[in-house]
Amino acid sequence: MIQPGAVPPSTIHRRIQFTESKLPGCYIVQFPVFHDDRGHFVKTIQSSVFHKQGLEGDFRECFYTTSYADVLRGMHFQTPPHDHAKLLYCAAGSIFDVALDLRVGSPTYGKHEVCELSTLASNAIYLPRGIAHGFCVREAPAVMVYHVTSEHDDAHDAGIRWDSFGAAWPIEEPIVSPRDSSFVCLEEFQSPFRYSAP
């Protein structure tokens, strides 16, 4: 927890910062944090900055989840034509976050990227269309906020089994929903996503 008078490292950045991950088009996002003795203010969305980076920034829906200790959620996505880009961050607690590339033709198809998201770090991950997402809780309760560029559609809501692509999840016996456990394995998945180089 940031204590009064402490200055988090991200305070030196006065605008949203983007660092591309090993998955093309996926970015670790560092939010600017403005801190004083009352607490801190964090800017998470600025459409013009996302557009300048060449990313989709017109978010159509926002929601959040609260997850308890040992919970694992994933790997989730929506299929075309209701697929979407998304920005995700941890507003409380911390998580072990995983992104999986499902874009046919991508140089990293079938590979995944891991990052740590936390309220203390004030960071996020930006995922383009065709990337499955999941996470497990490091520090509970973990509140995850999602900004997505299309609205939820039950008929196009899909997923990949969390244990089918080699991610080194840090929980031996995670709490996983029946729905998430029923998803197909990566090797059985017929991807509708196609990769377009930036």
Protein backbone atom coordinates (compact mmCIF):
# COMPACT_ATOMS: atom_id res chain seq x y z
CA MET A 1 0.00 0.00 0.00
CA ILE A 2 1.24 3.49 -0.83
CA GLN A 3 1.75 5.42 2.39
CA PRO A 4 1.27 9.21 2.72
CA GLY A 5 4.41 10.93 1.53
CA ALA A 6 5.56 7.94 -0.56
CA VAL A 7 6.14 8.59 -4.24
CA PRO A 8 5.42 5.57 -6.46
CA PRO A 9 7.90 5.06 -9.36
CA SER A 10 5.23 5.79 -11.96
CA THR A 11 4.83 9.35 -10.62
CA ILE A 12 7.68 10.45 -12.88
CA HIS A 13 5.51 9.69 -15.93
CA ARG A 14 2.98 12.40 -16.68
CA ARG A 15 1.23 10.43 -19.42
CA ILE A 16 0.21 6.84 -20.16
CA GLN A 17 3.24 4.75 -21.17
CA PHE A 18 3.15 1.71 -23.51
CA THR A 19 5.69 -1.14 -23.67
CA GLU A 20 5.04 -3.82 -26.30
CA SER A 21 5.20 -7.40 -25.05
CA LYS A 22 6.55 -10.38 -26.98
CA LEU A 23 3.02 -10.87 -28.40
CA PRO A 24 2.65 -8.36 -31.26
CA GLY A 25 0.08 -5.68 -30.51
CA CYS A 26 -0.09 -6.51 -26.79
CA TYR A 27 1.18 -3.80 -24.48
CA ILE A 28 2.02 -3.43 -20.83
CA VAL A 29 0.54 -0.07 -19.89
CA GLN A 30 1.87 2.16 -17.13
CA PHE A 31 -0.64 4.64 -15.81
CA PRO A 32 0.44 8.09 -14.59
CA VAL A 33 0.01 8.43 -10.83
CA PHE A 34 -0.44 11.82 -9.17
CA HIS A 35 0.26 11.56 -5.46
CA ASP A 36 -0.09 13.92 -2.50
CA ASP A 37 -0.78 13.64 1.21
CA ARG A 38 -4.45 12.82 0.59
CA GLY A 39 -3.68 9.74 -1.48
CA HIS A 40 -3.27 9.33 -5.24
CA PHE A 41 -5.04 9.89 -8.54
CA VAL A 42 -4.55 7.47 -11.45
CA LYS A 43 -5.51 8.16 -15.05
CA THR A 44 -6.50 4.96 -16.90
CA ILE A 45 -8.22 6.02 -20.14
CA GLN A 46 -7.32 8.77 -22.60
CA SER A 47 -8.63 7.88 -26.05
CA SER A 48 -6.33 10.23 -27.96
CA VAL A 49 -3.26 8.60 -26.42
CA PHE A 50 -4.44 5.11 -27.40
CA HIS A 51 -5.20 6.26 -30.95
CA LYS A 52 -1.79 7.94 -31.25
CA GLN A 53 -0.24 4.59 -30.28
CA GLY A 54 -2.23 2.98 -33.11
CA LEU A 55 -4.53 1.11 -30.72
CA GLU A 56 -8.28 0.85 -30.47
CA GLY A 57 -9.40 3.20 -27.73
CA ASP A 58 -13.15 3.50 -28.21
CA PHE A 59 -14.26 1.33 -25.31
CA ARG A 60 -17.95 0.37 -25.43
CA GLU A 61 -18.37 -1.53 -22.18
CA CYS A 62 -16.73 -1.55 -18.74
CA PHE A 63 -17.12 -4.07 -15.93
CA TYR A 64 -15.17 -5.50 -13.01
CA THR A 65 -14.76 -8.78 -11.16
CA THR A 66 -13.84 -9.46 -7.56
CA SER A 67 -11.88 -12.68 -6.98
CA TYR A 68 -10.82 -14.36 -3.78
CA ALA A 69 -7.68 -16.32 -2.84
CA ASP A 70 -6.69 -19.16 -5.21
CA VAL A 71 -9.25 -18.17 -7.87
CA LEU A 72 -8.25 -18.63 -11.52
CA ARG A 73 -10.32 -17.16 -14.34
CA GLY A 74 -9.72 -17.84 -18.03
CA MET A 75 -8.86 -18.12 -20.75
CA HIS A 76 -11.58 -15.85 -22.15
CA PHE A 77 -12.34 -14.05 -25.43
CA GLN A 78 -15.20 -13.25 -27.80
CA THR A 79 -15.29 -14.57 -31.37
CA PRO A 80 -15.98 -12.46 -34.49
CA PRO A 81 -17.98 -10.42 -35.25
CA HIS A 82 -18.18 -9.55 -31.54
CA ASP A 83 -14.45 -9.84 -30.85
CA HIS A 84 -12.81 -6.91 -29.12
CA ALA A 85 -9.67 -5.24 -27.90
CA LYS A 86 -9.48 -4.80 -24.15
CA LEU A 87 -7.65 -2.90 -21.45
CA LEU A 88 -7.43 -4.65 -18.07
CA TYR A 89 -6.05 -3.52 -14.73
CA CYS A 90 -6.11 -4.52 -11.09
CA ALA A 91 -7.84 -1.90 -8.94
CA ALA A 92 -7.26 -3.82 -5.69
CA GLY A 93 -4.92 -6.67 -4.77
CA SER A 94 -2.61 -8.25 -7.32
CA ILE A 95 -2.79 -10.92 -10.01
CA PHE A 96 -0.69 -13.23 -12.20
CA ASP A 97 -1.97 -12.25 -15.65
CA VAL A 98 -1.75 -14.40 -18.80
CA ALA A 99 -2.37 -13.53 -22.46
CA LEU A 100 -2.53 -16.24 -25.16
CA ASP A 101 -2.15 -15.53 -28.89
CA LEU A 102 -4.90 -17.18 -30.99
CA ARG A 103 -4.27 -15.28 -34.25
CA VAL A 104 -3.50 -17.59 -37.14
CA GLY A 105 -0.42 -16.29 -38.95
CA SER A 106 0.95 -14.49 -35.91
CA PRO A 107 4.66 -15.12 -35.23
CA THR A 108 3.62 -15.94 -31.66
CA TYR A 109 0.51 -18.06 -32.37
CA GLY A 110 -0.10 -20.47 -29.47
CA LYS A 111 2.41 -18.68 -27.25
CA HIS A 112 1.59 -16.80 -24.09
CA GLU A 113 2.86 -13.83 -22.12
CA VAL A 114 2.78 -13.36 -18.35
CA CYS A 115 2.79 -10.16 -16.34
CA GLU A 116 2.03 -9.08 -12.79
CA LEU A 117 -0.72 -6.48 -12.35
CA SER A 118 -1.40 -4.76 -9.06
CA THR A 119 -2.95 -1.68 -7.57
CA LEU A 120 0.44 -0.69 -6.17
CA ALA A 121 2.11 -0.86 -9.60
CA SER A 122 -0.76 1.08 -11.27
CA ASN A 123 -0.23 -0.91 -14.46
CA ALA A 124 -2.45 -2.62 -17.02
CA ILE A 125 -2.36 -4.85 -20.07
CA TYR A 126 -3.80 -3.94 -23.47
CA LEU A 127 -4.88 -6.90 -25.62
CA PRO A 128 -5.86 -6.66 -29.29
CA ARG A 129 -8.52 -8.86 -30.89
CA GLY A 130 -7.62 -12.54 -31.03
CA ILE A 131 -5.88 -12.74 -27.66
CA ALA A 132 -7.31 -14.95 -24.90
CA HIS A 133 -7.00 -13.65 -21.36
CA GLY A 134 -6.89 -15.18 -17.90
CA PHE A 135 -5.45 -14.61 -14.46
CA CYS A 136 -5.04 -16.06 -11.00
CA VAL A 137 -5.07 -14.17 -7.73
CA ARG A 138 -1.80 -13.28 -6.00
CA GLU A 139 -3.20 -10.96 -3.34
CA ALA A 140 -6.88 -11.21 -2.44
CA PRO A 141 -9.38 -9.86 -2.91
CA ALA A 142 -8.37 -8.89 -6.43
CA VAL A 143 -10.60 -6.43 -8.27
CA MET A 144 -10.09 -6.55 -12.03
CA VAL A 145 -11.46 -3.79 -14.26
CA TYR A 146 -12.14 -4.47 -17.95
CA HIS A 147 -12.62 -1.90 -20.72
CA VAL A 148 -13.67 -3.54 -24.00
CA THR A 149 -14.38 -2.22 -27.49
CA SER A 150 -17.55 -4.29 -28.06
CA GLU A 151 -20.45 -5.26 -25.85
CA HIS A 152 -20.75 -8.72 -24.33
CA ASP A 153 -22.53 -11.29 -26.50
CA ASP A 154 -23.33 -14.69 -24.96
CA ALA A 155 -23.37 -16.47 -28.31
CA HIS A 156 -19.79 -15.38 -29.09
CA ASP A 157 -18.32 -15.80 -25.61
CA ALA A 158 -15.66 -18.52 -25.68
CA GLY A 159 -12.45 -19.76 -24.10
CA ILE A 160 -9.45 -22.08 -24.01
CA ARG A 161 -8.71 -24.43 -21.12
CA TRP A 162 -6.38 -22.72 -18.69
CA ASP A 163 -4.08 -25.77 -18.35
CA SER A 164 -3.71 -26.67 -22.04
CA PHE A 165 -0.96 -24.37 -23.34
CA GLY A 166 1.93 -24.57 -20.88
CA ALA A 167 1.41 -21.56 -18.61
CA ALA A 168 3.25 -21.95 -15.29
CA TRP A 169 0.37 -20.96 -13.04
CA PRO A 170 1.60 -20.29 -9.47
CA ILE A 171 -1.34 -22.09 -7.80
CA GLU A 172 -1.29 -25.88 -7.48
CA GLU A 173 -5.05 -26.33 -6.94
CA PRO A 174 -6.83 -23.25 -8.28
CA ILE A 175 -10.52 -22.58 -7.86
CA VAL A 176 -11.90 -22.74 -11.42
CA SER A 177 -15.53 -22.45 -12.51
CA PRO A 178 -17.25 -25.41 -14.23
CA ARG A 179 -17.58 -23.25 -17.34
CA ASP A 180 -13.88 -22.46 -17.50
CA SER A 181 -13.04 -26.13 -16.94
CA SER A 182 -15.26 -27.10 -19.90
CA PHE A 183 -13.38 -25.05 -22.51
CA VAL A 184 -11.56 -26.87 -25.33
CA CYS A 185 -7.80 -27.39 -25.23
CA LEU A 186 -5.66 -25.14 -27.39
CA GLU A 187 -4.69 -28.00 -29.73
CA GLU A 188 -8.39 -28.69 -30.44
CA PHE A 189 -9.33 -25.07 -31.05
CA GLN A 190 -10.15 -23.98 -34.61
CA SER A 191 -9.27 -20.31 -34.47
CA PRO A 192 -11.40 -17.77 -36.33
CA PHE A 193 -8.79 -15.06 -35.73
CA ARG A 194 -6.29 -13.92 -38.35
CA TYR A 195 -3.17 -11.91 -37.74
CA SER A 196 -2.56 -8.57 -39.44
CA ALA A 197 0.87 -7.06 -38.96
CA PRO A 198 0.77 -3.53 -37.50
